[in-house]
């Protein structure tokens, strides 16, 4: 059995793990900034759409509401616009909007897997670096018989840095993941409420025609 890889891993210490975690932290920041911009833009677009839609639907002007959503950007507008696409009944509208909602949720959740994965696993990666550092510290002590305990203490202090960096990456990742998930959940819930208002207006419109 070839133990060359394990021996190389044992002698490497945990410094490379720290650099790996620092690279992951850059990735976390990039994802957080990108998702923050996207979700802020979606929230702003939804607030404007809701104000305009509520006025039209309360007035029973379904035709103008259809024109409004087709001319707007954003996940909420696309979900509502799907309801008007070849819609023949309120039930068909609900099905089309539910389908569009699933696609939009997937787009809104994009890259959040990175935050969730690093939030759950970065502490373990840091702990792995610490274990490697501890192994290296005791190996250095055994190879320098005349050295005192300060050799081990120095190695241990450096090894614990990996755990600290792992937590430094994990905590913002978890906070960002939970925050963005809440934003997505709130946006879709409010879009669902607007969709129900839309289908109710369409039912009333069909009832008047009947």
Protein backbone atom coordinates (compact mmCIF):
# COMPACT_ATOMS: atom_id res chain seq x y z
CA UNK A 1 0.00 0.00 0.00
CA UNK A 2 1.41 3.36 -1.05
CA UNK A 3 1.32 5.79 1.87
CA UNK A 4 3.23 8.55 0.08
CA UNK A 5 0.17 10.76 -0.19
CA UNK A 6 -0.67 10.37 3.50
CA UNK A 7 2.90 11.09 4.50
CA UNK A 8 2.95 14.22 2.33
CA UNK A 9 -0.37 15.30 3.87
CA UNK A 10 0.97 14.70 7.37
CA UNK A 11 4.05 16.81 6.72
CA UNK A 12 2.21 19.63 4.94
CA UNK A 13 0.69 21.16 8.06
CA UNK A 14 -2.48 23.22 7.81
CA UNK A 15 -1.22 26.30 6.00
CA UNK A 16 -2.62 25.25 2.63
CA UNK A 17 -6.05 24.77 4.26
CA UNK A 18 -5.96 28.39 5.47
CA UNK A 19 -5.26 29.60 1.93
CA UNK A 20 -8.11 27.41 0.66
CA UNK A 21 -10.48 28.98 3.18
CA UNK A 22 -9.32 32.48 2.30
CA UNK A 23 -10.09 31.75 -1.36
CA UNK A 24 -13.51 30.47 -0.27
CA UNK A 25 -14.11 33.70 1.64
CA UNK A 26 -13.58 35.68 -1.58
CA UNK A 27 -16.13 33.42 -3.25
CA UNK A 28 -18.59 34.04 -0.40
CA UNK A 29 -18.22 37.81 -0.72
CA UNK A 30 -18.69 37.65 -4.50
CA UNK A 31 -21.87 35.57 -4.18
CA UNK A 32 -23.25 37.78 -1.40
CA UNK A 33 -22.69 40.97 -3.40
CA UNK A 34 -24.18 39.48 -6.58
CA UNK A 35 -27.27 38.09 -4.82
CA UNK A 36 -27.70 41.29 -2.84
CA UNK A 37 -27.77 43.37 -6.01
CA UNK A 38 -30.16 40.97 -7.78
CA UNK A 39 -32.61 40.67 -4.88
CA UNK A 40 -32.55 44.40 -4.16
CA UNK A 41 -33.41 45.01 -7.81
CA UNK A 42 -36.20 42.41 -7.63
CA UNK A 43 -37.65 43.99 -4.49
CA UNK A 44 -37.66 47.44 -6.04
CA UNK A 45 -39.33 46.15 -9.22
CA UNK A 46 -41.96 44.29 -7.19
CA UNK A 47 -42.86 47.29 -5.03
CA UNK A 48 -43.45 49.41 -8.11
CA UNK A 49 -45.46 46.63 -9.78
CA UNK A 50 -47.61 46.02 -6.72
CA UNK A 51 -48.65 49.67 -6.43
CA UNK A 52 -49.69 49.82 -10.06
CA UNK A 53 -51.36 46.39 -10.09
CA UNK A 54 -53.42 46.94 -6.97
CA UNK A 55 -54.91 50.13 -8.40
CA UNK A 56 -55.85 48.44 -11.67
CA UNK A 57 -57.22 45.26 -10.10
CA UNK A 58 -59.23 47.12 -7.47
CA UNK A 59 -60.77 49.04 -10.36
CA UNK A 60 -61.44 45.77 -12.20
CA UNK A 61 -59.29 46.78 -15.18
CA UNK A 62 -57.84 43.35 -16.00
CA UNK A 63 -56.92 44.28 -19.57
CA UNK A 64 -54.63 47.10 -18.48
CA UNK A 65 -53.17 44.88 -15.76
CA UNK A 66 -52.21 42.37 -18.45
CA UNK A 67 -50.49 45.10 -20.46
CA UNK A 68 -48.70 46.32 -17.35
CA UNK A 69 -47.08 43.00 -16.41
CA UNK A 70 -46.01 42.30 -19.98
CA UNK A 71 -44.07 45.54 -20.05
CA UNK A 72 -42.25 45.10 -16.73
CA UNK A 73 -39.02 43.36 -15.73
CA UNK A 74 -38.58 41.22 -12.65
CA UNK A 75 -39.58 37.80 -11.35
CA UNK A 76 -42.99 38.93 -10.09
CA UNK A 77 -43.92 40.50 -13.44
CA UNK A 78 -42.87 37.36 -15.31
CA UNK A 79 -44.92 35.15 -12.98
CA UNK A 80 -48.02 37.27 -13.41
CA UNK A 81 -47.46 37.61 -17.16
CA UNK A 82 -47.40 33.81 -17.41
CA UNK A 83 -50.96 33.82 -16.10
CA UNK A 84 -52.12 35.88 -19.04
CA UNK A 85 -50.27 33.68 -21.55
CA UNK A 86 -52.97 31.75 -23.43
CA UNK A 87 -55.17 31.87 -20.35
CA UNK A 88 -58.72 30.63 -20.90
CA UNK A 89 -59.88 30.48 -17.28
CA UNK A 90 -58.80 31.55 -13.77
CA UNK A 91 -57.81 27.94 -13.06
CA UNK A 92 -55.50 27.91 -16.09
CA UNK A 93 -53.99 31.20 -14.96
CA UNK A 94 -53.23 29.76 -11.52
CA UNK A 95 -51.52 26.72 -13.02
CA UNK A 96 -49.40 28.81 -15.36
CA UNK A 97 -48.39 31.20 -12.59
CA UNK A 98 -47.52 28.28 -10.28
CA UNK A 99 -45.30 26.82 -12.97
CA UNK A 100 -43.60 30.16 -13.63
CA UNK A 101 -43.08 30.62 -9.89
CA UNK A 102 -41.02 27.41 -9.71
CA UNK A 103 -38.73 28.58 -12.51
CA UNK A 104 -38.33 32.03 -10.96
CA UNK A 105 -37.59 30.59 -7.52
CA UNK A 106 -34.80 28.53 -9.00
CA UNK A 107 -33.34 31.66 -10.58
CA UNK A 108 -33.64 33.66 -7.35
CA UNK A 109 -31.94 30.88 -5.38
CA UNK A 110 -29.02 30.74 -7.80
CA UNK A 111 -25.58 30.52 -6.10
CA UNK A 112 -27.13 30.32 -2.63
CA UNK A 113 -25.95 26.72 -2.54
CA UNK A 114 -22.41 28.12 -2.25
CA UNK A 115 -23.29 30.00 0.93
CA UNK A 116 -25.18 27.07 2.42
CA UNK A 117 -22.42 24.57 1.65
CA UNK A 118 -19.59 26.73 3.00
CA UNK A 119 -21.64 27.72 6.01
CA UNK A 120 -22.08 24.06 6.94
CA UNK A 121 -18.63 22.77 6.01
CA UNK A 122 -16.08 25.57 6.48
CA UNK A 123 -15.67 24.83 10.23
CA UNK A 124 -14.86 21.20 9.42
CA UNK A 125 -12.37 22.25 6.76
CA UNK A 126 -10.75 24.56 9.31
CA UNK A 127 -10.70 21.74 11.87
CA UNK A 128 -9.02 19.51 9.31
CA UNK A 129 -6.31 22.16 8.89
CA UNK A 130 -5.91 22.34 12.66
CA UNK A 131 -5.48 18.57 12.94
CA UNK A 132 -2.82 18.64 10.24
CA UNK A 133 -1.08 21.48 12.05
CA UNK A 134 -1.13 19.60 15.36
CA UNK A 135 0.33 16.52 13.69
CA UNK A 136 3.07 18.65 12.16
CA UNK A 137 3.82 20.33 15.51
CA UNK A 138 4.32 17.02 17.32
CA UNK A 139 6.34 15.68 14.44
CA UNK A 140 8.65 18.70 14.71
CA UNK A 141 8.96 18.08 18.45
CA UNK A 142 9.89 14.43 17.95
CA UNK A 143 12.54 15.32 15.38
CA UNK A 144 14.11 17.95 17.66
CA UNK A 145 14.65 16.09 20.93
CA UNK A 146 16.51 18.98 22.52
CA UNK A 147 13.72 21.47 21.82
CA UNK A 148 11.39 22.58 24.59
CA UNK A 149 7.59 22.73 24.71
CA UNK A 150 7.66 26.14 23.02
CA UNK A 151 8.11 24.28 19.71
CA UNK A 152 4.76 22.54 20.20
CA UNK A 153 3.07 25.70 21.51
CA UNK A 154 4.13 27.66 18.45
CA UNK A 155 2.90 24.93 16.12
CA UNK A 156 -0.41 24.61 17.96
CA UNK A 157 -1.08 28.33 17.87
CA UNK A 158 -0.52 28.34 14.12
CA UNK A 159 -2.71 25.26 13.70
CA UNK A 160 -5.63 26.85 15.56
CA UNK A 161 -5.65 29.68 13.03
CA UNK A 162 -7.20 27.26 10.53
CA UNK A 163 -10.19 26.67 12.80
CA UNK A 164 -10.58 30.40 13.38
CA UNK A 165 -10.52 31.09 9.63
CA UNK A 166 -13.05 28.31 9.07
CA UNK A 167 -15.45 29.94 11.52
CA UNK A 168 -14.75 33.34 9.96
CA UNK A 169 -15.91 31.96 6.61
CA UNK A 170 -18.83 29.93 7.98
CA UNK A 171 -20.57 32.56 10.10
CA UNK A 172 -21.08 35.19 7.34
CA UNK A 173 -22.04 32.38 4.94
CA UNK A 174 -24.81 31.15 7.24
CA UNK A 175 -26.05 34.68 7.91
CA UNK A 176 -26.06 35.51 4.21
CA UNK A 177 -27.78 32.25 3.27
CA UNK A 178 -30.57 32.72 5.82
CA UNK A 179 -31.01 36.38 4.93
CA UNK A 180 -31.23 35.80 1.18
CA UNK A 181 -33.57 32.84 1.66
CA UNK A 182 -35.84 35.11 3.72
CA UNK A 183 -35.78 37.76 0.99
CA UNK A 184 -36.68 35.20 -1.68
CA UNK A 185 -39.42 33.70 0.49
CA UNK A 186 -40.95 37.11 1.23
CA UNK A 187 -40.81 38.18 -2.42
CA UNK A 188 -42.51 35.01 -3.63
CA UNK A 189 -45.11 35.11 -0.86
CA UNK A 190 -46.07 38.67 -1.78
CA UNK A 191 -46.13 37.70 -5.45
CA UNK A 192 -48.50 34.84 -4.56
CA UNK A 193 -50.77 37.31 -2.80
CA UNK A 194 -50.78 39.54 -5.87
CA UNK A 195 -51.47 36.51 -8.09
CA UNK A 196 -54.50 35.59 -5.97
CA UNK A 197 -55.77 39.16 -6.28
CA UNK A 198 -55.32 38.86 -10.03
CA UNK A 199 -57.23 35.58 -10.35
CA UNK A 200 -60.01 36.99 -8.17
CA UNK A 201 -60.31 39.99 -10.49
CA UNK A 202 -60.40 37.67 -13.51
CA UNK A 203 -63.17 35.57 -11.92
CA UNK A 204 -65.19 38.70 -11.23
CA UNK A 205 -64.66 39.82 -14.80
CA UNK A 206 -65.84 36.44 -16.15
CA UNK A 207 -68.82 36.52 -13.82
CA UNK A 208 -69.94 39.92 -15.11
CA UNK A 209 -69.68 38.70 -18.69
CA UNK A 210 -71.72 35.58 -17.89
